[in-house]
Amino acid sequence: MQEEAIDLQGRPYGHMAFIWTLLAGTFTMSISQSSLSTAYPTLMKYFNVPASTVQWLTTGFMLVMVVMMPVSPWLLNNIRFPVLFVSVLALFDVGTFIIYLATSFPLMMLGRVMEAMAVGIMFPSYQTVMLRITPEAQRGGVMGFAGLVMGSALAVGPIISGIVLKYTTWQGLFVVFMVIITVVFLVALKTIKDVMPQHKAHLDYWSVLSSLGFIGILYVVNQIGQTAVDWTAMSGLLVVSLLAVAYFVYRQFHVAAPLLDLRVLKTFNFDLAVLLTGTSYIALIVVTIVFPLYYQEVLGISPFASGMALVPGAVVLSLLNPLTGKLADKIGFKATMLTGMSMIVLGWLWLTLVGGRQSLVAMILTATLIEGGNAFVMMPAVTLGANSLPDQLISHGTAVITTVRQILGSTGVAVATLILAAVTAGQLKVTTRAAANIAGYHAVFVTFLAVAVVGWIFAAMLRDGRKEKVTA
């Protein structure tokens, strides 16, 4: 890549310094998505809350991200990027500090909400900015780096958590985040320049308000299997939330300056790309959150060991991500993504067919296979989706992909948690705790095998080559 470029004011800036600062901030912020999964048992004891409550630190995080992501194109168009970037870093830092000081679960949840707002803005924005400042001929490599951050950061979160928990308390994890983000903040004041053209537009508050329907829907999903739930109230909330989402979609097609331009969905390959990134992300996030729980509850290993057990999969994912874009250029996007979805299907199929208590080695190999398959799907699908859109819609396309991916990911985590809890509780009535745990996890494996098969079908439906673009 070129070492120097020109910002909007015509001043030269360090291109690589800009990119590495952007990636450092995004990587640190995105690992917070899954970093707490290994610490769940510790946090349950510390705050005296059940698993169904503590999992909101991850699921709730993703729900807030979903609301913020559609706003990212508007923010990029109306706020100078250096100001936006350091503001997001500051928001994340303050939220992390609140978590560090938290003496109650609600206070910790407040900090997580602030972190999620920052990540929800940053995640689609950094991809759009990287594409904007990079020549088209070099974008494939850039998306490989984006995939490296997107995939490996999620997988590395539980690993870092396991290491920190071995040597310090859970608060130590957030000290690490605060230190790194503060350093990135200071570096960003020098390296992050104004590179995004401004297109001032009115913020459509009705779209922002109606997008809250996504949270309502997923909240109701999370109540399934819980005890003492007022299902009359939940049914009402579900109806209101569905209506809100329907109005959100309707409004995006009928206002002059939509918050999220859904015309991108008129392209067949883009639609499949959205679904493929979603199904592959479900597999990745379920592995990185459910597998550590399996290691601790079924295999009886420590949080540190359960985090380290994710290292092989994370390494494979990291190594493959920069290579799969080039592979797609050689053998085609369809063949590449079919390969990846086949790997994911095989991973879940192995866990489904081989019943009983799995060995640690078998679980590590399976996790590596599933995470490796994700590398063949996630970023190639994003690249294929972007290639099918005109340049002026790429920021909206990126926001759509990341929003849908987070909705499906949070739904996947919620469904996995609910199935695990419900099946385990049911089996406890007729068998031992150990057998009930195994039955619960097996039900989770069967469920996500079905999801992976659907993803494989999506990959088989892809049209090879660069198709006609949706008109702006």
Protein backbone atom coordinates (compact mmCIF):
# COMPACT_ATOMS: atom_id res chain seq x y z
CA MET A 1 0.00 0.00 0.00
CA GLN A 2 1.10 3.57 -0.47
CA GLU A 3 2.80 5.16 2.57
CA GLU A 4 1.40 8.66 2.09
CA ALA A 5 -1.90 10.00 0.87
CA ILE A 6 -3.80 13.29 0.73
CA ASP A 7 -6.68 14.24 3.03
CA LEU A 8 -9.67 16.40 2.08
CA GLN A 9 -7.72 19.57 2.83
CA GLY A 10 -4.97 18.54 0.44
CA ARG A 11 -2.49 17.77 3.21
CA PRO A 12 -0.39 14.58 3.12
CA TYR A 13 -0.84 12.00 5.86
CA GLY A 14 0.58 8.58 6.73
CA HIS A 15 -1.67 6.06 5.01
CA MET A 16 -0.42 3.04 6.93
CA ALA A 17 -0.38 4.91 10.24
CA PHE A 18 -4.04 5.83 9.62
CA ILE A 19 -5.00 2.22 8.85
CA TRP A 20 -3.15 0.69 11.79
CA THR A 21 -4.64 3.21 14.22
CA LEU A 22 -8.09 2.46 12.84
CA LEU A 23 -7.52 -1.29 13.12
CA ALA A 24 -6.04 -1.05 16.63
CA GLY A 25 -9.10 0.80 17.92
CA THR A 26 -11.56 -1.44 16.13
CA PHE A 27 -9.79 -4.65 17.18
CA THR A 28 -9.72 -3.67 20.84
CA MET A 29 -13.34 -2.58 20.83
CA SER A 30 -14.62 -5.61 18.95
CA ILE A 31 -12.99 -8.19 21.23
CA SER A 32 -15.22 -6.84 23.99
CA GLN A 33 -18.14 -8.56 22.21
CA SER A 34 -17.11 -12.01 23.34
CA SER A 35 -14.46 -11.38 25.99
CA LEU A 36 -16.84 -11.95 28.89
CA SER A 37 -18.03 -15.42 27.85
CA THR A 38 -15.15 -17.13 29.63
CA ALA A 39 -15.80 -14.99 32.72
CA TYR A 40 -19.52 -15.84 32.96
CA PRO A 41 -19.12 -18.27 35.91
CA THR A 42 -16.96 -15.72 37.78
CA LEU A 43 -19.43 -12.87 37.16
CA MET A 44 -22.40 -15.03 38.17
CA LYS A 45 -20.80 -15.58 41.57
CA TYR A 46 -19.60 -11.98 41.96
CA PHE A 47 -22.98 -10.37 41.24
CA ASN A 48 -25.07 -13.35 42.44
CA VAL A 49 -27.05 -13.58 39.18
CA PRO A 50 -28.10 -16.63 37.08
CA ALA A 51 -26.74 -17.50 33.63
CA SER A 52 -29.91 -16.17 31.98
CA THR A 53 -29.12 -12.74 33.43
CA VAL A 54 -25.36 -12.63 32.94
CA GLN A 55 -25.66 -13.57 29.25
CA TRP A 56 -27.23 -10.13 28.68
CA LEU A 57 -23.71 -8.71 28.94
CA THR A 58 -23.18 -10.25 25.50
CA THR A 59 -26.69 -10.39 24.04
CA GLY A 60 -27.62 -6.91 25.30
CA PHE A 61 -24.33 -5.61 23.92
CA MET A 62 -25.25 -6.87 20.46
CA LEU A 63 -28.80 -5.50 20.68
CA VAL A 64 -27.51 -1.98 21.32
CA MET A 65 -25.05 -2.39 18.46
CA VAL A 66 -27.95 -3.21 16.15
CA VAL A 67 -29.61 0.14 16.87
CA MET A 68 -26.40 2.13 16.36
CA MET A 69 -25.25 0.51 13.10
CA PRO A 70 -27.94 2.00 10.82
CA VAL A 71 -26.97 5.45 12.11
CA SER A 72 -23.33 5.06 11.04
CA PRO A 73 -23.77 6.23 7.41
CA TRP A 74 -25.44 9.43 8.64
CA LEU A 75 -22.68 10.05 11.18
CA LEU A 76 -19.98 9.57 8.53
CA ASN A 77 -21.77 12.06 6.27
CA ASN A 78 -22.33 14.72 8.93
CA ILE A 79 -19.39 14.59 11.35
CA ARG A 80 -15.72 14.99 10.41
CA PHE A 81 -14.14 11.58 10.75
CA PRO A 82 -11.32 12.60 13.16
CA VAL A 83 -13.95 14.04 15.53
CA LEU A 84 -16.19 10.99 15.15
CA PHE A 85 -13.37 8.51 15.70
CA VAL A 86 -11.96 10.04 18.90
CA SER A 87 -15.50 10.63 20.24
CA VAL A 88 -16.33 6.97 19.79
CA LEU A 89 -13.09 5.96 21.50
CA ALA A 90 -13.88 8.29 24.41
CA LEU A 91 -17.40 6.85 24.74
CA PHE A 92 -15.99 3.34 24.88
CA ASP A 93 -13.34 4.36 27.42
CA VAL A 94 -15.89 5.96 29.76
CA GLY A 95 -18.17 2.91 29.53
CA THR A 96 -15.23 0.63 30.33
CA PHE A 97 -14.31 2.75 33.35
CA ILE A 98 -17.89 2.49 34.65
CA ILE A 99 -17.67 -1.31 34.34
CA TYR A 100 -14.38 -1.31 36.23
CA LEU A 101 -16.04 0.58 39.10
CA ALA A 102 -19.30 -1.42 38.98
CA THR A 103 -20.52 -2.76 42.32
CA SER A 104 -23.83 -4.03 40.92
CA PHE A 105 -24.97 -5.80 37.77
CA PRO A 106 -27.16 -2.88 36.52
CA LEU A 107 -24.16 -0.53 36.74
CA MET A 108 -22.03 -2.98 34.80
CA MET A 109 -24.80 -3.24 32.22
CA LEU A 110 -24.80 0.56 31.84
CA GLY A 111 -21.10 0.47 31.00
CA ARG A 112 -21.67 -2.33 28.50
CA VAL A 113 -24.40 -0.28 26.81
CA MET A 114 -21.97 2.62 26.36
CA GLU A 115 -19.34 0.25 24.96
CA ALA A 116 -21.90 -1.24 22.59
CA MET A 117 -22.93 2.20 21.30
CA ALA A 118 -19.29 2.91 20.44
CA VAL A 119 -18.71 -0.46 18.76
CA GLY A 120 -22.01 -0.21 16.87
CA ILE A 121 -20.87 3.05 15.28
CA MET A 122 -17.30 1.94 14.67
CA PHE A 123 -17.82 -1.50 13.17
CA PRO A 124 -19.50 -0.53 9.88
CA SER A 125 -17.68 2.81 9.73
CA TYR A 126 -14.15 1.47 9.76
CA GLN A 127 -14.84 -0.79 6.78
CA THR A 128 -16.39 2.08 4.81
CA VAL A 129 -13.46 4.39 5.61
CA MET A 130 -10.85 1.77 4.69
CA LEU A 131 -12.54 1.26 1.32
CA ARG A 132 -12.75 5.03 0.81
CA ILE A 133 -9.03 5.71 1.37
CA THR A 134 -7.77 2.69 -0.58
CA PRO A 135 -7.43 2.49 -4.39
CA GLU A 136 -9.90 0.06 -5.90
CA ALA A 137 -7.14 -2.25 -7.14
CA GLN A 138 -5.95 -2.74 -3.55
CA ARG A 139 -9.34 -3.19 -1.87
CA GLY A 140 -9.18 -6.98 -1.85
CA GLY A 141 -6.19 -6.92 0.46
CA VAL A 142 -7.81 -4.28 2.65
CA MET A 143 -10.92 -6.41 3.07
CA GLY A 144 -8.64 -9.27 4.08
CA PHE A 145 -7.34 -7.09 6.91
CA ALA A 146 -10.93 -6.15 7.75
CA GLY A 147 -11.76 -9.85 7.94
CA LEU A 148 -8.75 -10.39 10.16
CA VAL A 149 -10.13 -7.85 12.63
CA MET A 150 -13.76 -8.94 12.34
CA GLY A 151 -13.14 -12.65 12.70
CA SER A 152 -10.06 -13.03 14.85
CA ALA A 153 -11.05 -10.29 17.32
CA LEU A 154 -14.23 -12.19 18.14
CA ALA A 155 -12.31 -15.45 18.56
CA VAL A 156 -9.48 -13.86 20.56
CA GLY A 157 -11.83 -12.28 23.14
CA PRO A 158 -12.36 -15.40 25.28
CA ILE A 159 -8.65 -16.23 25.02
CA ILE A 160 -7.60 -12.85 26.40
CA SER A 161 -10.29 -13.16 29.06
CA GLY A 162 -8.99 -16.57 30.13
CA ILE A 163 -5.42 -15.33 30.43
CA VAL A 164 -6.37 -12.22 32.41
CA LEU A 165 -8.67 -14.17 34.75
CA LYS A 166 -5.84 -16.56 35.55
CA TYR A 167 -3.63 -13.79 36.89
CA THR A 168 -6.08 -11.14 38.13
CA THR A 169 -9.77 -10.42 38.81
CA TRP A 170 -12.43 -9.82 36.15
CA GLN A 171 -11.86 -6.07 36.55
CA GLY A 172 -8.36 -6.58 35.17
CA LEU A 173 -9.86 -7.38 31.79
CA PHE A 174 -11.35 -3.91 31.54
CA VAL A 175 -8.14 -2.29 32.74
CA VAL A 176 -6.51 -3.84 29.66
CA PHE A 177 -9.20 -2.35 27.42
CA MET A 178 -8.91 1.08 29.04
CA VAL A 179 -5.14 1.23 28.67
CA ILE A 180 -5.14 0.20 25.01
CA ILE A 181 -8.04 2.46 23.99
CA THR A 182 -6.48 5.42 25.81
CA VAL A 183 -3.22 4.88 23.91
CA VAL A 184 -5.12 4.58 20.61
CA PHE A 185 -7.01 7.79 21.48
CA LEU A 186 -3.76 9.71 21.94
CA VAL A 187 -2.22 8.27 18.77
CA ALA A 188 -5.41 9.02 16.80
CA LEU A 189 -5.10 12.73 17.57
CA LYS A 190 -2.02 12.66 15.33
CA THR A 191 -2.72 9.95 12.74
CA ILE A 192 -6.48 10.07 11.97
CA LYS A 193 -7.23 12.69 9.30
CA ASP A 194 -10.33 14.04 7.55
CA VAL A 195 -10.79 11.68 4.60
CA MET A 196 -14.56 11.25 4.30
CA PRO A 197 -16.52 13.73 2.14
CA GLN A 198 -19.41 15.36 3.99
CA HIS A 199 -22.98 15.12 2.67
CA LYS A 200 -25.06 16.95 5.25
CA ALA A 201 -28.53 15.55 5.75
CA HIS A 202 -31.32 15.72 8.32
CA LEU A 203 -31.34 12.82 10.77
CA ASP A 204 -34.61 10.93 10.39
CA TYR A 205 -35.58 10.54 14.02
CA TRP A 206 -38.62 8.43 13.18
CA SER A 207 -36.33 5.87 11.56
CA VAL A 208 -34.07 5.83 14.60
CA LEU A 209 -37.06 5.43 16.91
CA SER A 210 -38.70 2.68 14.87
CA SER A 211 -35.39 0.75 14.69
CA LEU A 212 -35.83 0.09 18.42
CA GLY A 213 -38.31 -2.56 17.29
CA PHE A 214 -35.33 -4.85 16.66
CA ILE A 215 -34.49 -4.77 20.37
CA GLY A 216 -38.10 -5.53 21.27
CA ILE A 217 -38.20 -8.58 19.01
CA LEU A 218 -34.95 -9.99 20.34
CA TYR A 219 -35.97 -9.26 23.93
CA VAL A 220 -39.07 -11.40 23.46
CA VAL A 221 -36.94 -14.15 21.91
CA ASN A 222 -34.78 -14.12 25.04
CA GLN A 223 -37.81 -14.65 27.27
CA ILE A 224 -38.60 -18.03 25.71
CA GLY A 225 -37.84 -20.75 28.23
CA GLN A 226 -37.69 -18.33 31.17
CA THR A 227 -39.87 -18.79 34.24
CA ALA A 228 -42.51 -16.34 35.50
CA VAL A 229 -42.82 -14.53 32.16
CA ASP A 230 -45.94 -12.44 31.52
CA TRP A 231 -46.66 -13.70 28.01
CA THR A 232 -49.61 -11.35 27.57
CA ALA A 233 -47.23 -8.41 27.93
CA MET A 234 -44.57 -10.16 25.83
CA SER A 235 -47.08 -10.81 23.02
CA GLY A 236 -48.03 -7.14 23.04
CA LEU A 237 -44.38 -6.10 22.94
CA LEU A 238 -43.74 -8.48 20.04
CA VAL A 239 -46.63 -7.06 18.02
CA VAL A 240 -45.52 -3.46 18.67
CA SER A 241 -41.91 -4.33 17.80
CA LEU A 242 -42.88 -6.06 14.55
CA LEU A 243 -44.97 -3.05 13.56
CA ALA A 244 -42.07 -0.72 14.39
CA VAL A 245 -39.66 -2.72 12.23
CA ALA A 246 -42.19 -2.85 9.40
CA TYR A 247 -42.55 0.93 9.61
CA PHE A 248 -38.75 1.30 9.64
CA VAL A 249 -38.46 -0.71 6.43
CA TYR A 250 -41.37 1.16 4.81
CA ARG A 251 -39.89 4.54 5.74
CA GLN A 252 -36.49 3.75 4.22
CA PHE A 253 -38.15 3.38 0.82
CA HIS A 254 -40.34 6.48 1.14
CA VAL A 255 -38.16 9.31 2.51
CA ALA A 256 -35.82 11.47 0.45
CA ALA A 257 -32.80 10.79 2.70
CA PRO A 258 -33.25 7.36 4.30
CA LEU A 259 -31.31 6.52 7.42
CA LEU A 260 -30.41 3.18 5.83
CA ASP A 261 -30.86 2.95 2.06
CA LEU A 262 -32.53 -0.43 1.59
CA ARG A 263 -32.41 -0.21 -2.20
CA VAL A 264 -29.28 -2.31 -1.81
CA LEU A 265 -31.58 -5.27 -1.16
CA LYS A 266 -32.79 -5.18 -4.76
CA THR A 267 -29.63 -7.05 -5.81
CA PHE A 268 -29.86 -10.86 -5.60
CA ASN A 269 -26.18 -11.54 -4.88
CA PHE A 270 -26.12 -8.82 -2.23
CA ASP A 271 -29.10 -10.41 -0.47
CA LEU A 272 -27.36 -13.78 -0.45
CA ALA A 273 -24.16 -12.12 0.75
CA VAL A 274 -26.05 -10.64 3.71
CA LEU A 275 -27.54 -14.03 4.61
CA LEU A 276 -24.19 -15.81 4.22
CA THR A 277 -22.34 -13.38 6.46
CA GLY A 278 -25.15 -13.85 8.99
CA THR A 279 -25.13 -17.65 8.99
CA SER A 280 -21.34 -17.85 9.14
CA TYR A 281 -21.27 -15.27 11.95
CA ILE A 282 -23.82 -17.30 13.91
CA ALA A 283 -21.51 -20.33 13.72
CA LEU A 284 -18.50 -18.26 14.79
CA ILE A 285 -20.10 -16.50 17.74
CA VAL A 286 -21.85 -19.63 19.02
CA VAL A 287 -18.52 -21.47 18.99
CA THR A 288 -16.69 -18.69 20.82
CA ILE A 289 -19.40 -18.33 23.47
CA VAL A 290 -20.86 -21.84 23.89
CA PHE A 291 -17.68 -23.90 23.58
CA PRO A 292 -15.95 -22.28 26.60
CA LEU A 293 -19.06 -23.09 28.64
CA TYR A 294 -18.86 -26.71 27.42
CA TYR A 295 -15.20 -26.90 28.36
CA GLN A 296 -15.94 -25.68 31.90
CA GLU A 297 -19.29 -27.37 32.62
CA VAL A 298 -18.83 -30.72 30.84
CA LEU A 299 -15.06 -31.20 30.75
CA GLY A 300 -14.46 -29.43 34.06
CA ILE A 301 -11.46 -27.34 32.99
CA SER A 302 -10.57 -23.87 34.28
CA PRO A 303 -11.59 -20.57 32.65
CA PHE A 304 -7.97 -20.05 31.63
CA ALA A 305 -7.76 -23.47 29.96
CA SER A 306 -11.13 -22.98 28.26
CA GLY A 307 -9.91 -19.68 26.83
CA MET A 308 -6.64 -21.19 25.64
CA ALA A 309 -8.56 -24.06 24.01
CA LEU A 310 -9.87 -21.48 21.53
CA VAL A 311 -6.36 -20.52 20.42
CA PRO A 312 -6.02 -23.05 17.54
CA GLY A 313 -9.30 -21.96 15.95
CA ALA A 314 -8.42 -18.29 16.37
CA VAL A 315 -4.99 -18.83 14.79
CA VAL A 316 -6.47 -20.68 11.79
CA LEU A 317 -9.12 -18.01 11.36
CA SER A 318 -6.51 -15.25 11.50
CA LEU A 319 -4.21 -16.95 9.01
CA LEU A 320 -6.96 -17.76 6.51
CA ASN A 321 -8.83 -14.45 6.52
CA PRO A 322 -6.29 -12.43 4.47
CA LEU A 323 -5.99 -15.30 1.96
CA THR A 324 -9.62 -16.07 1.16
CA GLY A 325 -10.21 -12.86 -0.81
CA LYS A 326 -7.42 -13.80 -3.20
CA LEU A 327 -8.76 -17.34 -3.40
CA ALA A 328 -12.19 -16.01 -4.36
CA ASP A 329 -10.57 -14.05 -7.20
CA LYS A 330 -9.00 -17.28 -8.49
CA ILE A 331 -11.75 -19.89 -8.12
CA GLY A 332 -14.81 -17.63 -7.75
CA PHE A 333 -16.89 -16.46 -4.82
CA LYS A 334 -19.37 -19.32 -5.09
CA ALA A 335 -16.76 -22.09 -4.89
CA THR A 336 -14.97 -20.31 -2.04
CA MET A 337 -18.09 -19.88 0.05
CA LEU A 338 -19.36 -23.38 -0.67
CA THR A 339 -16.05 -24.66 0.66
CA GLY A 340 -16.45 -22.61 3.82
CA MET A 341 -20.06 -23.58 4.47
CA SER A 342 -19.17 -27.24 3.88
CA MET A 343 -16.50 -26.98 6.59
CA ILE A 344 -19.02 -25.42 8.99
CA VAL A 345 -21.63 -28.10 8.21
CA LEU A 346 -19.07 -30.87 8.77
CA GLY A 347 -18.09 -29.40 12.14
CA TRP A 348 -21.64 -29.32 13.49
CA LEU A 349 -22.40 -32.72 11.87
CA TRP A 350 -19.51 -34.34 13.73
CA LEU A 351 -20.78 -33.03 17.06
CA THR A 352 -24.30 -34.18 16.21
CA LEU A 353 -23.44 -37.72 15.10
CA VAL A 354 -20.84 -38.49 17.75
CA GLY A 355 -22.95 -38.34 20.88
CA GLY A 356 -21.87 -38.33 24.49
CA ARG A 357 -19.05 -36.49 26.17
CA GLN A 358 -16.53 -35.16 23.64
CA SER A 359 -12.82 -35.06 24.40
CA LEU A 360 -11.04 -31.71 24.61
CA VAL A 361 -8.99 -32.52 21.51
CA ALA A 362 -12.10 -33.38 19.48
CA MET A 363 -13.80 -30.14 20.54
CA ILE A 364 -10.72 -28.06 19.67
CA LEU A 365 -10.46 -29.68 16.22
CA THR A 366 -14.17 -29.12 15.60
CA ALA A 367 -13.95 -25.48 16.67
CA THR A 368 -10.96 -25.02 14.36
CA LEU A 369 -12.88 -26.55 11.45
CA ILE A 370 -15.92 -24.31 12.01
CA GLU A 371 -13.87 -21.14 12.51
CA GLY A 372 -11.73 -21.97 9.49
CA GLY A 373 -14.90 -22.35 7.43
CA ASN A 374 -16.00 -18.91 8.57
CA ALA A 375 -12.86 -17.40 6.99
CA PHE A 376 -14.01 -18.74 3.60
CA VAL A 377 -17.43 -17.13 3.94
CA MET A 378 -17.52 -13.91 5.98
CA MET A 379 -15.31 -11.42 4.15
CA PRO A 380 -15.66 -12.95 0.66
CA ALA A 381 -19.42 -12.47 1.10
CA VAL A 382 -18.92 -8.87 2.21
CA THR A 383 -16.66 -8.24 -0.80
CA LEU A 384 -19.15 -9.86 -3.18
CA GLY A 385 -21.94 -7.76 -1.71
CA ALA A 386 -19.94 -4.53 -2.08
CA ASN A 387 -18.97 -5.42 -5.65
CA SER A 388 -22.64 -5.62 -6.59
CA LEU A 389 -23.35 -2.06 -5.41
CA PRO A 390 -22.46 1.39 -6.77
CA ASP A 391 -19.86 3.29 -4.75
CA GLN A 392 -22.39 5.73 -3.27
CA LEU A 393 -24.34 2.85 -1.70
CA ILE A 394 -21.40 0.93 -0.24
CA SER A 395 -21.65 2.64 3.16
CA HIS A 396 -25.33 1.71 3.32
CA GLY A 397 -24.59 -1.82 2.12
CA THR A 398 -21.92 -2.22 4.79
CA ALA A 399 -24.34 -0.97 7.44
CA VAL A 400 -27.05 -3.39 6.25
CA ILE A 401 -24.64 -6.34 6.35
CA THR A 402 -23.31 -5.51 9.81
CA THR A 403 -26.79 -4.79 11.18
CA VAL A 404 -28.28 -8.05 9.91
CA ARG A 405 -25.20 -9.96 11.03
CA GLN A 406 -25.55 -8.63 14.58
CA ILE A 407 -29.29 -9.35 14.65
CA LEU A 408 -28.70 -12.93 13.57
CA GLY A 409 -25.70 -13.27 15.86
CA SER A 410 -27.55 -12.04 18.96
CA THR A 411 -30.50 -14.27 18.04
CA GLY A 412 -28.11 -17.21 17.69
CA VAL A 413 -26.60 -16.61 21.13
CA ALA A 414 -30.05 -16.21 22.67
CA VAL A 415 -31.38 -19.37 21.01
CA ALA A 416 -28.29 -21.36 22.02
CA THR A 417 -28.59 -20.19 25.63
CA LEU A 418 -32.32 -20.89 25.77
CA ILE A 419 -32.04 -24.36 24.22
CA LEU A 420 -29.16 -25.23 26.53
CA ALA A 421 -31.07 -24.10 29.63
CA ALA A 422 -34.42 -25.64 28.62
CA VAL A 423 -33.09 -29.06 27.56
CA THR A 424 -30.73 -29.30 30.53
CA ALA A 425 -33.54 -28.42 32.96
CA GLY A 426 -35.84 -30.97 31.34
CA GLN A 427 -33.24 -33.73 31.47
CA LEU A 428 -32.41 -33.02 35.13
CA LYS A 429 -35.82 -34.44 36.03
CA VAL A 430 -34.89 -37.87 34.68
CA THR A 431 -31.08 -38.12 34.78
CA THR A 432 -27.89 -36.86 36.38
CA ARG A 433 -26.43 -33.35 36.10
CA ALA A 434 -23.59 -34.56 33.86
CA ALA A 435 -25.94 -36.38 31.46
CA ALA A 436 -28.35 -33.42 31.44
CA ASN A 437 -25.52 -31.03 30.50
CA ILE A 438 -24.43 -33.27 27.62
CA ALA A 439 -28.03 -33.53 26.37
CA GLY A 440 -28.38 -29.74 26.48
CA TYR A 441 -25.25 -29.12 24.45
CA HIS A 442 -26.18 -31.85 21.95
CA ALA A 443 -29.49 -30.08 21.32
CA VAL A 444 -27.53 -26.87 20.62
CA PHE A 445 -25.27 -28.71 18.14
CA VAL A 446 -28.26 -30.16 16.26
CA THR A 447 -29.90 -26.74 16.03
CA PHE A 448 -26.87 -25.04 14.53
CA LEU A 449 -26.24 -27.92 12.15
CA ALA A 450 -29.64 -27.06 10.65
CA VAL A 451 -28.64 -23.37 10.43
CA ALA A 452 -25.38 -24.30 8.69
CA VAL A 453 -27.20 -26.46 6.14
CA VAL A 454 -29.43 -23.49 5.29
CA GLY A 455 -26.28 -21.39 4.83
CA TRP A 456 -24.84 -24.01 2.48
CA ILE A 457 -28.00 -23.75 0.37
CA PHE A 458 -27.57 -19.96 0.21
CA ALA A 459 -24.00 -20.44 -1.07
CA ALA A 460 -25.22 -22.90 -3.72
CA MET A 461 -27.69 -20.27 -4.96
CA LEU A 462 -24.99 -17.66 -5.62
CA ARG A 463 -24.47 -16.40 -9.13
CA ASP A 464 -20.82 -16.42 -10.09
CA GLY A 465 -19.22 -13.32 -11.43
CA ARG A 466 -19.93 -9.65 -10.94
CA LYS A 467 -23.60 -9.03 -11.61
CA GLU A 468 -25.38 -5.91 -12.64
CA LYS A 469 -25.45 -3.30 -9.93
CA VAL A 470 -28.53 -1.79 -8.37
CA THR A 471 -29.00 1.71 -9.67
CA ALA A 472 -28.56 4.59 -7.25
